[in-house]
Amino acid sequence: SLIRYHLLQDLSIHKNTIYYWSMLDEDDLENCHAVTSFMR
């Protein structure tokens, strides 16, 4: 909840970081980071 709050609070700073960890171009979560579903 703290990480989510700070990412959204400072979205203009963290937009690229959110996008990177979200791996939105990858369909299979097995090929993603452990944190990817949270970041999505």
Full PDB file with SEQRES, HELIX, SHEET, SSBOND, CRYST1, ORIGX, SCALE, CONECT and MASTER records, all heavy atoms in Angstrom:
SEQRES   1 A   40  SER LEU ILE ARG TYR HIS LEU LEU GLN ASP LEU SER ILE          
SEQRES   2 A   40  HIS LYS ASN THR ILE TYR TYR TRP SER MET LEU ASP GLU          
SEQRES   3 A   40  ASP ASP LEU GLU ASN CYS HIS ALA VAL THR SER PHE MET          
SEQRES   4 A   40  ARG                                                          
HELIX    1 AA1 LEU A    2  GLN A    9  1                                   8    
HELIX    2 AA2 LEU A   11  SER A   22  1                                  12    
HELIX    3 AA3 LEU A   29  ASN A   31  5                                   3    
HELIX    4 AA4 THR A   36  MET A   39  1                                   4    
CRYST1    1.000    1.000    1.000  90.00  90.00  90.00 P 1           1          
ORIGX1      1.000000  0.000000  0.000000        0.00000                         
ORIGX2      0.000000  1.000000  0.000000        0.00000                         
ORIGX3      0.000000  0.000000  1.000000        0.00000                         
SCALE1      1.000000  0.000000  0.000000        0.00000                         
SCALE2      0.000000  1.000000  0.000000        0.00000                         
SCALE3      0.000000  0.000000  1.000000        0.00000                         
ATOM      1  N   SER A   1       0.826  -1.212   0.000  1.00  0.00           N  
ATOM      2  CA  SER A   1       0.000   0.000   0.000  1.00  0.00           C  
ATOM      3  C   SER A   1       0.861   1.264   0.000  1.00  0.00           C  
ATOM      4  O   SER A   1       0.519   2.248  -0.659  1.00  0.00           O  
ATOM      5  CB  SER A   1      -0.985   0.001   1.161  1.00  0.00           C  
ATOM      6  OG  SER A   1      -0.308  -0.034   2.391  1.00  0.00           O  
ATOM      7  N   LEU A   2       1.986   1.236   0.695  1.00  0.00           N  
ATOM      8  CA  LEU A   2       2.881   2.402   0.697  1.00  0.00           C  
ATOM      9  C   LEU A   2       3.535   2.598  -0.675  1.00  0.00           C  
ATOM     10  O   LEU A   2       3.617   3.728  -1.172  1.00  0.00           O  
ATOM     11  CB  LEU A   2       3.962   2.258   1.769  1.00  0.00           C  
ATOM     12  CG  LEU A   2       3.495   2.414   3.215  1.00  0.00           C  
ATOM     13  CD1 LEU A   2       4.610   2.026   4.187  1.00  0.00           C  
ATOM     14  CD2 LEU A   2       3.024   3.834   3.479  1.00  0.00           C  
ATOM     15  N   ILE A   3       3.971   1.517  -1.268  1.00  0.00           N  
ATOM     16  CA  ILE A   3       4.590   1.614  -2.594  1.00  0.00           C  
ATOM     17  C   ILE A   3       3.566   2.131  -3.605  1.00  0.00           C  
ATOM     18  O   ILE A   3       3.845   3.043  -4.387  1.00  0.00           O  
ATOM     19  CB  ILE A   3       5.176   0.251  -3.024  1.00  0.00           C  
ATOM     20  CG1 ILE A   3       6.372  -0.106  -2.130  1.00  0.00           C  
ATOM     21  CG2 ILE A   3       5.580   0.275  -4.501  1.00  0.00           C  
ATOM     22  CD1 ILE A   3       6.843  -1.551  -2.259  1.00  0.00           C  
ATOM     23  N   ARG A   4       2.365   1.562  -3.588  1.00  0.00           N  
ATOM     24  CA  ARG A   4       1.296   1.998  -4.492  1.00  0.00           C  
ATOM     25  C   ARG A   4       1.017   3.488  -4.305  1.00  0.00           C  
ATOM     26  O   ARG A   4       0.922   4.241  -5.277  1.00  0.00           O  
ATOM     27  CB  ARG A   4       0.021   1.188  -4.244  1.00  0.00           C  
ATOM     28  CG  ARG A   4      -1.152   1.576  -5.132  1.00  0.00           C  
ATOM     29  CD  ARG A   4      -2.424   0.808  -4.809  1.00  0.00           C  
ATOM     30  NE  ARG A   4      -2.289  -0.624  -5.046  1.00  0.00           N  
ATOM     31  CZ  ARG A   4      -2.157  -1.556  -4.107  1.00  0.00           C  
ATOM     32  NH1 ARG A   4      -2.162  -1.218  -2.824  1.00  0.00           N  
ATOM     33  NH2 ARG A   4      -2.042  -2.828  -4.414  1.00  0.00           N  
ATOM     34  N   TYR A   5       0.894   3.913  -3.054  1.00  0.00           N  
ATOM     35  CA  TYR A   5       0.613   5.317  -2.760  1.00  0.00           C  
ATOM     36  C   TYR A   5       1.693   6.227  -3.365  1.00  0.00           C  
ATOM     37  O   TYR A   5       1.377   7.215  -4.033  1.00  0.00           O  
ATOM     38  CB  TYR A   5       0.523   5.532  -1.243  1.00  0.00           C  
ATOM     39  CG  TYR A   5       0.450   6.994  -0.878  1.00  0.00           C  
ATOM     40  CD1 TYR A   5      -0.764   7.689  -0.981  1.00  0.00           C  
ATOM     41  CD2 TYR A   5       1.577   7.687  -0.463  1.00  0.00           C  
ATOM     42  CE1 TYR A   5      -0.833   9.038  -0.670  1.00  0.00           C  
ATOM     43  CE2 TYR A   5       1.510   9.038  -0.148  1.00  0.00           C  
ATOM     44  CZ  TYR A   5       0.309   9.701  -0.261  1.00  0.00           C  
ATOM     45  OH  TYR A   5       0.237  11.045   0.042  1.00  0.00           O  
ATOM     46  N   HIS A   6       2.953   5.914  -3.127  1.00  0.00           N  
ATOM     47  CA  HIS A   6       4.038   6.781  -3.591  1.00  0.00           C  
ATOM     48  C   HIS A   6       4.169   6.770  -5.115  1.00  0.00           C  
ATOM     49  O   HIS A   6       4.450   7.812  -5.716  1.00  0.00           O  
ATOM     50  CB  HIS A   6       5.362   6.399  -2.934  1.00  0.00           C  
ATOM     51  CG  HIS A   6       5.369   6.706  -1.476  1.00  0.00           C  
ATOM     52  ND1 HIS A   6       5.143   7.970  -0.963  1.00  0.00           N  
ATOM     53  CD2 HIS A   6       5.560   5.912  -0.400  1.00  0.00           C  
ATOM     54  CE1 HIS A   6       5.194   7.940   0.350  1.00  0.00           C  
ATOM     55  NE2 HIS A   6       5.436   6.698   0.718  1.00  0.00           N  
ATOM     56  N   LEU A   7       3.958   5.623  -5.732  1.00  0.00           N  
ATOM     57  CA  LEU A   7       4.006   5.570  -7.194  1.00  0.00           C  
ATOM     58  C   LEU A   7       2.930   6.458  -7.808  1.00  0.00           C  
ATOM     59  O   LEU A   7       3.190   7.203  -8.758  1.00  0.00           O  
ATOM     60  CB  LEU A   7       3.847   4.129  -7.686  1.00  0.00           C  
ATOM     61  CG  LEU A   7       5.057   3.227  -7.497  1.00  0.00           C  
ATOM     62  CD1 LEU A   7       4.668   1.773  -7.747  1.00  0.00           C  
ATOM     63  CD2 LEU A   7       6.199   3.643  -8.415  1.00  0.00           C  
ATOM     64  N   LEU A   8       1.727   6.392  -7.266  1.00  0.00           N  
ATOM     65  CA  LEU A   8       0.631   7.188  -7.811  1.00  0.00           C  
ATOM     66  C   LEU A   8       0.744   8.657  -7.410  1.00  0.00           C  
ATOM     67  O   LEU A   8       0.420   9.554  -8.201  1.00  0.00           O  
ATOM     68  CB  LEU A   8      -0.713   6.602  -7.378  1.00  0.00           C  
ATOM     69  CG  LEU A   8      -1.016   5.224  -7.962  1.00  0.00           C  
ATOM     70  CD1 LEU A   8      -2.250   4.615  -7.317  1.00  0.00           C  
ATOM     71  CD2 LEU A   8      -1.155   5.281  -9.486  1.00  0.00           C  
ATOM     72  N   GLN A   9       1.213   8.914  -6.203  1.00  0.00           N  
ATOM     73  CA  GLN A   9       1.385  10.289  -5.727  1.00  0.00           C  
ATOM     74  C   GLN A   9       2.410  11.033  -6.588  1.00  0.00           C  
ATOM     75  O   GLN A   9       2.241  12.201  -6.885  1.00  0.00           O  
ATOM     76  CB  GLN A   9       1.832  10.274  -4.259  1.00  0.00           C  
ATOM     77  CG  GLN A   9       1.901  11.633  -3.619  1.00  0.00           C  
ATOM     78  CD  GLN A   9       0.527  12.228  -3.336  1.00  0.00           C  
ATOM     79  OE1 GLN A   9      -0.464  11.516  -3.268  1.00  0.00           O  
ATOM     80  NE2 GLN A   9       0.478  13.530  -3.196  1.00  0.00           N  
ATOM     81  N   ASP A  10       3.474  10.341  -6.968  1.00  0.00           N  
ATOM     82  CA  ASP A  10       4.552  10.934  -7.760  1.00  0.00           C  
ATOM     83  C   ASP A  10       4.583  10.319  -9.163  1.00  0.00           C  
ATOM     84  O   ASP A  10       5.642   9.998  -9.700  1.00  0.00           O  
ATOM     85  CB  ASP A  10       5.905  10.720  -7.063  1.00  0.00           C  
ATOM     86  CG  ASP A  10       6.031  11.497  -5.762  1.00  0.00           C  
ATOM     87  OD1 ASP A  10       5.437  12.583  -5.646  1.00  0.00           O  
ATOM     88  OD2 ASP A  10       6.741  11.016  -4.858  1.00  0.00           O  
ATOM     89  N   LEU A  11       3.413  10.188  -9.747  1.00  0.00           N  
ATOM     90  CA  LEU A  11       3.276   9.521 -11.041  1.00  0.00           C  
ATOM     91  C   LEU A  11       4.161  10.154 -12.111  1.00  0.00           C  
ATOM     92  O   LEU A  11       4.745   9.452 -12.936  1.00  0.00           O  
ATOM     93  CB  LEU A  11       1.818   9.527 -11.487  1.00  0.00           C  
ATOM     94  CG  LEU A  11       1.485   8.765 -12.762  1.00  0.00           C  
ATOM     95  CD1 LEU A  11       1.863   7.290 -12.634  1.00  0.00           C  
ATOM     96  CD2 LEU A  11       0.008   8.906 -13.086  1.00  0.00           C  
ATOM     97  N   SER A  12       4.305  11.469 -12.094  1.00  0.00           N  
ATOM     98  CA  SER A  12       5.117  12.125 -13.119  1.00  0.00           C  
ATOM     99  C   SER A  12       6.584  11.702 -13.026  1.00  0.00           C  
ATOM    100  O   SER A  12       7.305  11.735 -14.017  1.00  0.00           O  
ATOM    101  CB  SER A  12       4.999  13.644 -13.019  1.00  0.00           C  
ATOM    102  OG  SER A  12       5.563  14.112 -11.809  1.00  0.00           O  
ATOM    103  N   ILE A  13       7.019  11.287 -11.858  1.00  0.00           N  
ATOM    104  CA  ILE A  13       8.396  10.810 -11.678  1.00  0.00           C  
ATOM    105  C   ILE A  13       8.499   9.335 -12.050  1.00  0.00           C  
ATOM    106  O   ILE A  13       9.489   8.908 -12.656  1.00  0.00           O  
ATOM    107  CB  ILE A  13       8.851  11.000 -10.212  1.00  0.00           C  
ATOM    108  CG1 ILE A  13       8.858  12.485  -9.843  1.00  0.00           C  
ATOM    109  CG2 ILE A  13      10.225  10.367  -9.977  1.00  0.00           C  
ATOM    110  CD1 ILE A  13       9.111  12.745  -8.357  1.00  0.00           C  
ATOM    111  N   HIS A  14       7.487   8.550 -11.706  1.00  0.00           N  
ATOM    112  CA  HIS A  14       7.605   7.090 -11.759  1.00  0.00           C  
ATOM    113  C   HIS A  14       6.899   6.411 -12.925  1.00  0.00           C  
ATOM    114  O   HIS A  14       6.854   5.181 -12.990  1.00  0.00           O  
ATOM    115  CB  HIS A  14       7.113   6.487 -10.444  1.00  0.00           C  
ATOM    116  CG  HIS A  14       7.850   7.000  -9.260  1.00  0.00           C  
ATOM    117  ND1 HIS A  14       9.228   6.925  -9.150  1.00  0.00           N  
ATOM    118  CD2 HIS A  14       7.419   7.627  -8.143  1.00  0.00           C  
ATOM    119  CE1 HIS A  14       9.602   7.476  -8.000  1.00  0.00           C  
ATOM    120  NE2 HIS A  14       8.532   7.903  -7.379  1.00  0.00           N  
ATOM    121  N   LYS A  15       6.358   7.177 -13.849  1.00  0.00           N  
ATOM    122  CA  LYS A  15       5.618   6.592 -14.971  1.00  0.00           C  
ATOM    123  C   LYS A  15       6.442   5.540 -15.714  1.00  0.00           C  
ATOM    124  O   LYS A  15       5.968   4.441 -15.993  1.00  0.00           O  
ATOM    125  CB  LYS A  15       5.190   7.712 -15.921  1.00  0.00           C  
ATOM    126  CG  LYS A  15       4.165   7.303 -16.932  1.00  0.00           C  
ATOM    127  CD  LYS A  15       3.726   8.489 -17.758  1.00  0.00           C  
ATOM    128  CE  LYS A  15       2.685   9.270 -17.016  1.00  0.00           C  
ATOM    129  NZ  LYS A  15       2.022  10.276 -17.851  1.00  0.00           N  
ATOM    130  N   ASN A  16       7.688   5.846 -16.030  1.00  0.00           N  
ATOM    131  CA  ASN A  16       8.536   4.894 -16.760  1.00  0.00           C  
ATOM    132  C   ASN A  16       8.857   3.662 -15.924  1.00  0.00           C  
ATOM    133  O   ASN A  16       8.941   2.556 -16.457  1.00  0.00           O  
ATOM    134  CB  ASN A  16       9.825   5.570 -17.237  1.00  0.00           C  
ATOM    135  CG  ASN A  16       9.552   6.552 -18.358  1.00  0.00           C  
ATOM    136  OD1 ASN A  16       8.728   6.302 -19.227  1.00  0.00           O  
ATOM    137  ND2 ASN A  16      10.232   7.689 -18.335  1.00  0.00           N  
ATOM    138  N   THR A  17       9.018   3.845 -14.629  1.00  0.00           N  
ATOM    139  CA  THR A  17       9.295   2.719 -13.733  1.00  0.00           C  
ATOM    140  C   THR A  17       8.089   1.790 -13.675  1.00  0.00           C  
ATOM    141  O   THR A  17       8.232   0.557 -13.747  1.00  0.00           O  
ATOM    142  CB  THR A  17       9.649   3.220 -12.322  1.00  0.00           C  
ATOM    143  OG1 THR A  17      10.774   4.099 -12.422  1.00  0.00           O  
ATOM    144  CG2 THR A  17       9.966   2.075 -11.384  1.00  0.00           C  
ATOM    145  N   ILE A  18       6.907   2.340 -13.549  1.00  0.00           N  
ATOM    146  CA  ILE A  18       5.679   1.526 -13.524  1.00  0.00           C  
ATOM    147  C   ILE A  18       5.566   0.742 -14.828  1.00  0.00           C  
ATOM    148  O   ILE A  18       5.303  -0.461 -14.824  1.00  0.00           O  
ATOM    149  CB  ILE A  18       4.432   2.416 -13.300  1.00  0.00           C  
ATOM    150  CG1 ILE A  18       4.475   3.083 -11.928  1.00  0.00           C  
ATOM    151  CG2 ILE A  18       3.154   1.589 -13.471  1.00  0.00           C  
ATOM    152  CD1 ILE A  18       3.468   4.209 -11.748  1.00  0.00           C  
ATOM    153  N   TYR A  19       5.793   1.432 -15.911  1.00  0.00           N  
ATOM    154  CA  TYR A  19       5.687   0.783 -17.212  1.00  0.00           C  
ATOM    155  C   TYR A  19       6.701  -0.355 -17.345  1.00  0.00           C  
ATOM    156  O   TYR A  19       6.368  -1.454 -17.791  1.00  0.00           O  
ATOM    157  CB  TYR A  19       5.861   1.815 -18.333  1.00  0.00           C  
ATOM    158  CG  TYR A  19       5.513   1.262 -19.683  1.00  0.00           C  
ATOM    159  CD1 TYR A  19       4.181   1.131 -20.079  1.00  0.00           C  
ATOM    160  CD2 TYR A  19       6.494   0.845 -20.556  1.00  0.00           C  
ATOM    161  CE1 TYR A  19       3.844   0.593 -21.303  1.00  0.00           C  
ATOM    162  CE2 TYR A  19       6.174   0.302 -21.798  1.00  0.00           C  
ATOM    163  CZ  TYR A  19       4.847   0.186 -22.151  1.00  0.00           C  
ATOM    164  OH  TYR A  19       4.518  -0.356 -23.364  1.00  0.00           O  
ATOM    165  N   TYR A  20       7.937  -0.111 -16.912  1.00  0.00           N  
ATOM    166  CA  TYR A  20       8.986  -1.135 -17.000  1.00  0.00           C  
ATOM    167  C   TYR A  20       8.600  -2.398 -16.230  1.00  0.00           C  
ATOM    168  O   TYR A  20       8.653  -3.505 -16.762  1.00  0.00           O  
ATOM    169  CB  TYR A  20      10.314  -0.579 -16.470  1.00  0.00           C  
ATOM    170  CG  TYR A  20      11.372  -1.647 -16.307  1.00  0.00           C  
ATOM    171  CD1 TYR A  20      12.105  -2.087 -17.408  1.00  0.00           C  
ATOM    172  CD2 TYR A  20      11.613  -2.249 -15.076  1.00  0.00           C  
ATOM    173  CE1 TYR A  20      13.058  -3.083 -17.280  1.00  0.00           C  
ATOM    174  CE2 TYR A  20      12.571  -3.250 -14.938  1.00  0.00           C  
ATOM    175  CZ  TYR A  20      13.281  -3.661 -16.039  1.00  0.00           C  
ATOM    176  OH  TYR A  20      14.215  -4.656 -15.901  1.00  0.00           O  
ATOM    177  N   TRP A  21       8.233  -2.251 -14.967  1.00  0.00           N  
ATOM    178  CA  TRP A  21       7.953  -3.412 -14.113  1.00  0.00           C  
ATOM    179  C   TRP A  21       6.617  -4.070 -14.456  1.00  0.00           C  
ATOM    180  O   TRP A  21       6.402  -5.236 -14.126  1.00  0.00           O  
ATOM    181  CB  TRP A  21       7.971  -3.012 -12.639  1.00  0.00           C  
ATOM    182  CG  TRP A  21       9.346  -2.759 -12.126  1.00  0.00           C  
ATOM    183  CD1 TRP A  21       9.980  -1.549 -12.015  1.00  0.00           C  
ATOM    184  CD2 TRP A  21      10.279  -3.724 -11.637  1.00  0.00           C  
ATOM    185  NE1 TRP A  21      11.234  -1.716 -11.493  1.00  0.00           N  
ATOM    186  CE2 TRP A  21      11.444  -3.042 -11.251  1.00  0.00           C  
ATOM    187  CE3 TRP A  21      10.231  -5.108 -11.485  1.00  0.00           C  
ATOM    188  CZ2 TRP A  21      12.554  -3.686 -10.725  1.00  0.00           C  
ATOM    189  CZ3 TRP A  21      11.338  -5.754 -10.953  1.00  0.00           C  
ATOM    190  CH2 TRP A  21      12.490  -5.043 -10.582  1.00  0.00           C  
ATOM    191  N   SER A  22       5.720  -3.359 -15.125  1.00  0.00           N  
ATOM    192  CA  SER A  22       4.416  -3.923 -15.504  1.00  0.00           C  
ATOM    193  C   SER A  22       4.529  -4.914 -16.650  1.00  0.00           C  
ATOM    194  O   SER A  22       3.669  -5.785 -16.796  1.00  0.00           O  
ATOM    195  CB  SER A  22       3.446  -2.807 -15.906  1.00  0.00           C  
ATOM    196  OG  SER A  22       3.183  -1.967 -14.829  1.00  0.00           O  
ATOM    197  N   MET A  23       5.537  -4.760 -17.467  1.00  0.00           N  
ATOM    198  CA  MET A  23       5.756  -5.650 -18.612  1.00  0.00           C  
ATOM    199  C   MET A  23       4.452  -5.869 -19.389  1.00  0.00           C  
ATOM    200  O   MET A  23       4.033  -6.999 -19.645  1.00  0.00           O  
ATOM    201  CB  MET A  23       6.362  -6.979 -18.152  1.00  0.00           C  
ATOM    202  CG  MET A  23       7.704  -6.824 -17.474  1.00  0.00           C  
ATOM    203  SD  MET A  23       8.449  -8.387 -16.964  1.00  0.00           S  
ATOM    204  CE  MET A  23       8.960  -9.045 -18.555  1.00  0.00           C  
ATOM    205  N   LEU A  24       3.824  -4.789 -19.775  1.00  0.00           N  
ATOM    206  CA  LEU A  24       2.505  -4.844 -20.393  1.00  0.00           C  
ATOM    207  C   LEU A  24       2.496  -5.558 -21.749  1.00  0.00           C  
ATOM    208  O   LEU A  24       1.450  -6.018 -22.187  1.00  0.00           O  
ATOM    209  CB  LEU A  24       1.936  -3.431 -20.537  1.00  0.00           C  
ATOM    210  CG  LEU A  24       1.649  -2.714 -19.218  1.00  0.00           C  
ATOM    211  CD1 LEU A  24       1.308  -1.254 -19.455  1.00  0.00           C  
ATOM    212  CD2 LEU A  24       0.554  -3.416 -18.435  1.00  0.00           C  
ATOM    213  N   ASP A  25       3.644  -5.650 -22.376  1.00  0.00           N  
ATOM    214  CA  ASP A  25       3.709  -6.330 -23.673  1.00  0.00           C  
ATOM    215  C   ASP A  25       3.822  -7.848 -23.545  1.00  0.00           C  
ATOM    216  O   ASP A  25       3.745  -8.560 -24.539  1.00  0.00           O  
ATOM    217  CB  ASP A  25       4.911  -5.804 -24.481  1.00  0.00           C  
ATOM    218  CG  ASP A  25       4.755  -4.337 -24.833  1.00  0.00           C  
ATOM    219  OD1 ASP A  25       3.604  -3.863 -24.934  1.00  0.00           O  
ATOM    220  OD2 ASP A  25       5.781  -3.651 -25.002  1.00  0.00           O  
ATOM    221  N   GLU A  26       3.994  -8.328 -22.329  1.00  0.00           N  
ATOM    222  CA  GLU A  26       4.139  -9.768 -22.084  1.00  0.00           C  
ATOM    223  C   GLU A  26       2.797 -10.339 -21.623  1.00  0.00           C  
ATOM    224  O   GLU A  26       2.227  -9.893 -20.637  1.00  0.00           O  
ATOM    225  CB  GLU A  26       5.213 -10.008 -21.015  1.00  0.00           C  
ATOM    226  CG  GLU A  26       5.438 -11.451 -20.662  1.00  0.00           C  
ATOM    227  CD  GLU A  26       5.844 -12.311 -21.846  1.00  0.00           C  
ATOM    228  OE1 GLU A  26       6.846 -11.980 -22.514  1.00  0.00           O  
ATOM    229  OE2 GLU A  26       5.142 -13.322 -22.102  1.00  0.00           O  
ATOM    230  N   ASP A  27       2.305 -11.330 -22.351  1.00  0.00           N  
ATOM    231  CA  ASP A  27       1.011 -11.936 -22.014  1.00  0.00           C  
ATOM    232  C   ASP A  27       1.110 -12.989 -20.918  1.00  0.00           C  
ATOM    233  O   ASP A  27       0.185 -13.167 -20.133  1.00  0.00           O  
ATOM    234  CB  ASP A  27       0.376 -12.575 -23.254  1.00  0.00           C  
ATOM    235  CG  ASP A  27      -0.038 -11.524 -24.273  1.00  0.00           C  
ATOM    236  OD1 ASP A  27      -0.372 -10.388 -23.862  1.00  0.00           O  
ATOM    237  OD2 ASP A  27      -0.022 -11.837 -25.473  1.00  0.00           O  
ATOM    238  N   ASP A  28       2.223 -13.689 -20.859  1.00  0.00           N  
ATOM    239  CA  ASP A  28       2.387 -14.793 -19.923  1.00  0.00           C  
ATOM    240  C   ASP A  28       3.099 -14.313 -18.660  1.00  0.00           C  
ATOM    241  O   ASP A  28       4.293 -13.993 -18.693  1.00  0.00           O  
ATOM    242  CB  ASP A  28       3.182 -15.916 -20.594  1.00  0.00           C  
ATOM    243  CG  ASP A  28       3.287 -17.158 -19.736  1.00  0.00           C  
ATOM    244  OD1 ASP A  28       2.746 -17.169 -18.607  1.00  0.00           O  
ATOM    245  OD2 ASP A  28       3.914 -18.129 -20.197  1.00  0.00           O  
ATOM    246  N   LEU A  29       2.389 -14.272 -17.548  1.00  0.00           N  
ATOM    247  CA  LEU A  29       2.990 -13.806 -16.292  1.00  0.00           C  
ATOM    248  C   LEU A  29       4.137 -14.693 -15.826  1.00  0.00           C  
ATOM    249  O   LEU A  29       4.961 -14.265 -15.020  1.00  0.00           O  
ATOM    250  CB  LEU A  29       1.924 -13.706 -15.193  1.00  0.00           C  
ATOM    251  CG  LEU A  29       1.105 -12.423 -15.177  1.00  0.00           C  
ATOM    252  CD1 LEU A  29       0.015 -12.490 -14.122  1.00  0.00           C  
ATOM    253  CD2 LEU A  29       1.973 -11.197 -14.966  1.00  0.00           C  
ATOM    254  N   GLU A  30       4.211 -15.913 -16.339  1.00  0.00           N  
ATOM    255  CA  GLU A  30       5.334 -16.798 -15.999  1.00  0.00           C  
ATOM    256  C   GLU A  30       6.667 -16.219 -16.484  1.00  0.00           C  
ATOM    257  O   GLU A  30       7.719 -16.538 -15.950  1.00  0.00           O  
ATOM    258  CB  GLU A  30       5.125 -18.185 -16.608  1.00  0.00           C  
ATOM    259  CG  GLU A  30       3.974 -18.949 -16.010  1.00  0.00           C  
ATOM    260  CD  GLU A  30       4.241 -19.380 -14.579  1.00  0.00           C  
ATOM    261  OE1 GLU A  30       5.354 -19.827 -14.272  1.00  0.00           O  
ATOM    262  OE2 GLU A  30       3.301 -19.265 -13.759  1.00  0.00           O  
ATOM    263  N   ASN A  31       6.599 -15.359 -17.499  1.00  0.00           N  
ATOM    264  CA  ASN A  31       7.805 -14.751 -18.063  1.00  0.00           C  
ATOM    265  C   ASN A  31       8.073 -13.360 -17.483  1.00  0.00           C  
ATOM    266  O   ASN A  31       8.850 -12.604 -18.050  1.00  0.00           O  
ATOM    267  CB  ASN A  31       7.677 -14.631 -19.590  1.00  0.00           C  
ATOM    268  CG  ASN A  31       7.588 -15.979 -20.256  1.00  0.00           C  
ATOM    269  OD1 ASN A  31       8.177 -16.944 -19.788  1.00  0.00           O  
ATOM    270  ND2 ASN A  31       6.843 -16.054 -21.345  1.00  0.00           N  
ATOM    271  N   CYS A  32       7.422 -13.048 -16.383  1.00  0.00           N  
ATOM    272  CA  CYS A  32       7.503 -11.710 -15.805  1.00  0.00           C  
ATOM    273  C   CYS A  32       8.167 -11.731 -14.430  1.00  0.00           C  
ATOM    274  O   CYS A  32       8.476 -12.785 -13.892  1.00  0.00           O  
ATOM    275  CB  CYS A  32       6.093 -11.117 -15.681  1.00  0.00           C  
ATOM    276  SG  CYS A  32       5.283 -10.870 -17.271  1.00  0.00           S  
ATOM    277  N   HIS A  33       8.340 -10.554 -13.877  1.00  0.00           N  
ATOM    278  CA  HIS A  33       8.865 -10.417 -12.515  1.00  0.00           C  
ATOM    279  C   HIS A  33       7.789 -10.834 -11.509  1.00  0.00           C  
ATOM    280  O   HIS A  33       6.591 -10.771 -11.792  1.00  0.00           O  
ATOM    281  CB  HIS A  33       9.239  -8.955 -12.231  1.00  0.00           C  
ATOM    282  CG  HIS A  33      10.156  -8.355 -13.238  1.00  0.00           C  
ATOM    283  ND1 HIS A  33      11.491  -8.662 -13.315  1.00  0.00           N  
ATOM    284  CD2 HIS A  33       9.937  -7.446 -14.220  1.00  0.00           C  
ATOM    285  CE1 HIS A  33      12.050  -7.972 -14.282  1.00  0.00           C  
ATOM    286  NE2 HIS A  33      11.128  -7.233 -14.858  1.00  0.00           N  
ATOM    287  N   ALA A  34       8.221 -11.169 -10.319  1.00  0.00           N  
ATOM    288  CA  ALA A  34       7.266 -11.519  -9.257  1.00  0.00           C  
ATOM    289  C   ALA A  34       6.335 -10.354  -8.939  1.00  0.00           C  
ATOM    290  O   ALA A  34       5.183 -10.545  -8.567  1.00  0.00           O  
ATOM    291  CB  ALA A  34       8.025 -11.962  -8.006  1.00  0.00           C  
ATOM    292  N   VAL A  35       6.814  -9.147  -9.111  1.00  0.00           N  
ATOM    293  CA  VAL A  35       6.055  -7.947  -8.765  1.00  0.00           C  
ATOM    294  C   VAL A  35       5.181  -7.444  -9.927  1.00  0.00           C  
ATOM    295  O   VAL A  35       4.413  -6.503  -9.754  1.00  0.00           O  
ATOM    296  CB  VAL A  35       7.033  -6.844  -8.273  1.00  0.00           C  
ATOM    297  CG1 VAL A  35       7.785  -6.200  -9.435  1.00  0.00           C  
ATOM    298  CG2 VAL A  35       6.353  -5.808  -7.416  1.00  0.00           C  
ATOM    299  N   THR A  36       5.253  -8.091 -11.081  1.00  0.00           N  
ATOM    300  CA  THR A  36       4.566  -7.577 -12.274  1.00  0.00           C  
ATOM    301  C   THR A  36       3.058  -7.450 -12.108  1.00  0.00           C  
ATOM    302  O   THR A  36       2.483  -6.428 -12.486  1.00  0.00           O  
ATOM    303  CB  THR A  36       4.915  -8.435 -13.511  1.00  0.00           C  
ATOM    304  OG1 THR A  36       6.313  -8.282 -13.776  1.00  0.00           O  
ATOM    305  CG2 THR A  36       4.115  -8.024 -14.728  1.00  0.00           C  
ATOM    306  N   SER A  37       2.385  -8.437 -11.542  1.00  0.00           N  
ATOM    307  CA  SER A  37       0.921  -8.321 -11.420  1.00  0.00           C  
ATOM    308  C   SER A  37       0.547  -7.147 -10.517  1.00  0.00           C  
ATOM    309  O   SER A  37      -0.410  -6.413 -10.800  1.00  0.00           O  
ATOM    310  CB  SER A  37       0.295  -9.627 -10.935  1.00  0.00           C  
ATOM    311  OG  SER A  37       0.813  -9.995  -9.680  1.00  0.00           O  
ATOM    312  N   PHE A  38       1.302  -6.938  -9.452  1.00  0.00           N  
ATOM    313  CA  PHE A  38       1.100  -5.778  -8.572  1.00  0.00           C  
ATOM    314  C   PHE A  38       1.297  -4.480  -9.355  1.00  0.00           C  
ATOM    315  O   PHE A  38       0.498  -3.550  -9.260  1.00  0.00           O  
ATOM    316  CB  PHE A  38       2.077  -5.862  -7.392  1.00  0.00           C  
ATOM    317  CG  PHE A  38       2.181  -4.616  -6.560  1.00  0.00           C  
ATOM    318  CD1 PHE A  38       1.155  -4.253  -5.699  1.00  0.00           C  
ATOM    319  CD2 PHE A  38       3.306  -3.810  -6.636  1.00  0.00           C  
ATOM    320  CE1 PHE A  38       1.257  -3.100  -4.918  1.00  0.00           C  
ATOM    321  CE2 PHE A  38       3.414  -2.656  -5.864  1.00  0.00           C  
ATOM    322  CZ  PHE A  38       2.382  -2.313  -5.009  1.00  0.00           C  
ATOM    323  N   MET A  39       2.349  -4.424 -10.153  1.00  0.00           N  
ATOM    324  CA  MET A  39       2.639  -3.214 -10.928  1.00  0.00           C  
ATOM    325  C   MET A  39       1.603  -2.990 -12.030  1.00  0.00           C  
ATOM    326  O   MET A  39       1.283  -1.857 -12.364  1.00  0.00           O  
ATOM    327  CB  MET A  39       4.048  -3.280 -11.504  1.00  0.00           C  
ATOM    328  CG  MET A  39       5.148  -3.277 -10.452  1.00  0.00           C  
ATOM    329  SD  MET A  39       5.129  -1.824  -9.365  1.00  0.00           S  
ATOM    330  CE  MET A  39       5.655  -0.562 -10.512  1.00  0.00           C  
ATOM    331  N   ARG A  40       1.050  -4.078 -12.563  1.00  0.00           N  
ATOM    332  CA  ARG A  40       0.001  -3.928 -13.578  1.00  0.00           C  
ATOM    333  C   ARG A  40      -1.256  -3.302 -12.986  1.00  0.00           C  
ATOM    334  O   ARG A  40      -1.944  -2.531 -13.658  1.00  0.00           O  
ATOM    335  CB  ARG A  40      -0.314  -5.280 -14.219  1.00  0.00           C  
ATOM    336  CG  ARG A  40       0.751  -5.716 -15.197  1.00  0.00           C  
ATOM    337  CD  ARG A  40       0.404  -7.011 -15.874  1.00  0.00           C  
ATOM    338  NE  ARG A  40       1.439  -7.365 -16.835  1.00  0.00           N  
ATOM    339  CZ  ARG A  40       1.391  -8.419 -17.624  1.00  0.00           C  
ATOM    340  NH1 ARG A  40       0.344  -9.247 -17.563  1.00  0.00           N  
ATOM    341  NH2 ARG A  40       2.373  -8.667 -18.468  1.00  0.00           N  
TER     342      ARG A  40                                                      
MASTER        0    0    0    4    0    0    0    6  341    1    0    4          
END                                                                             
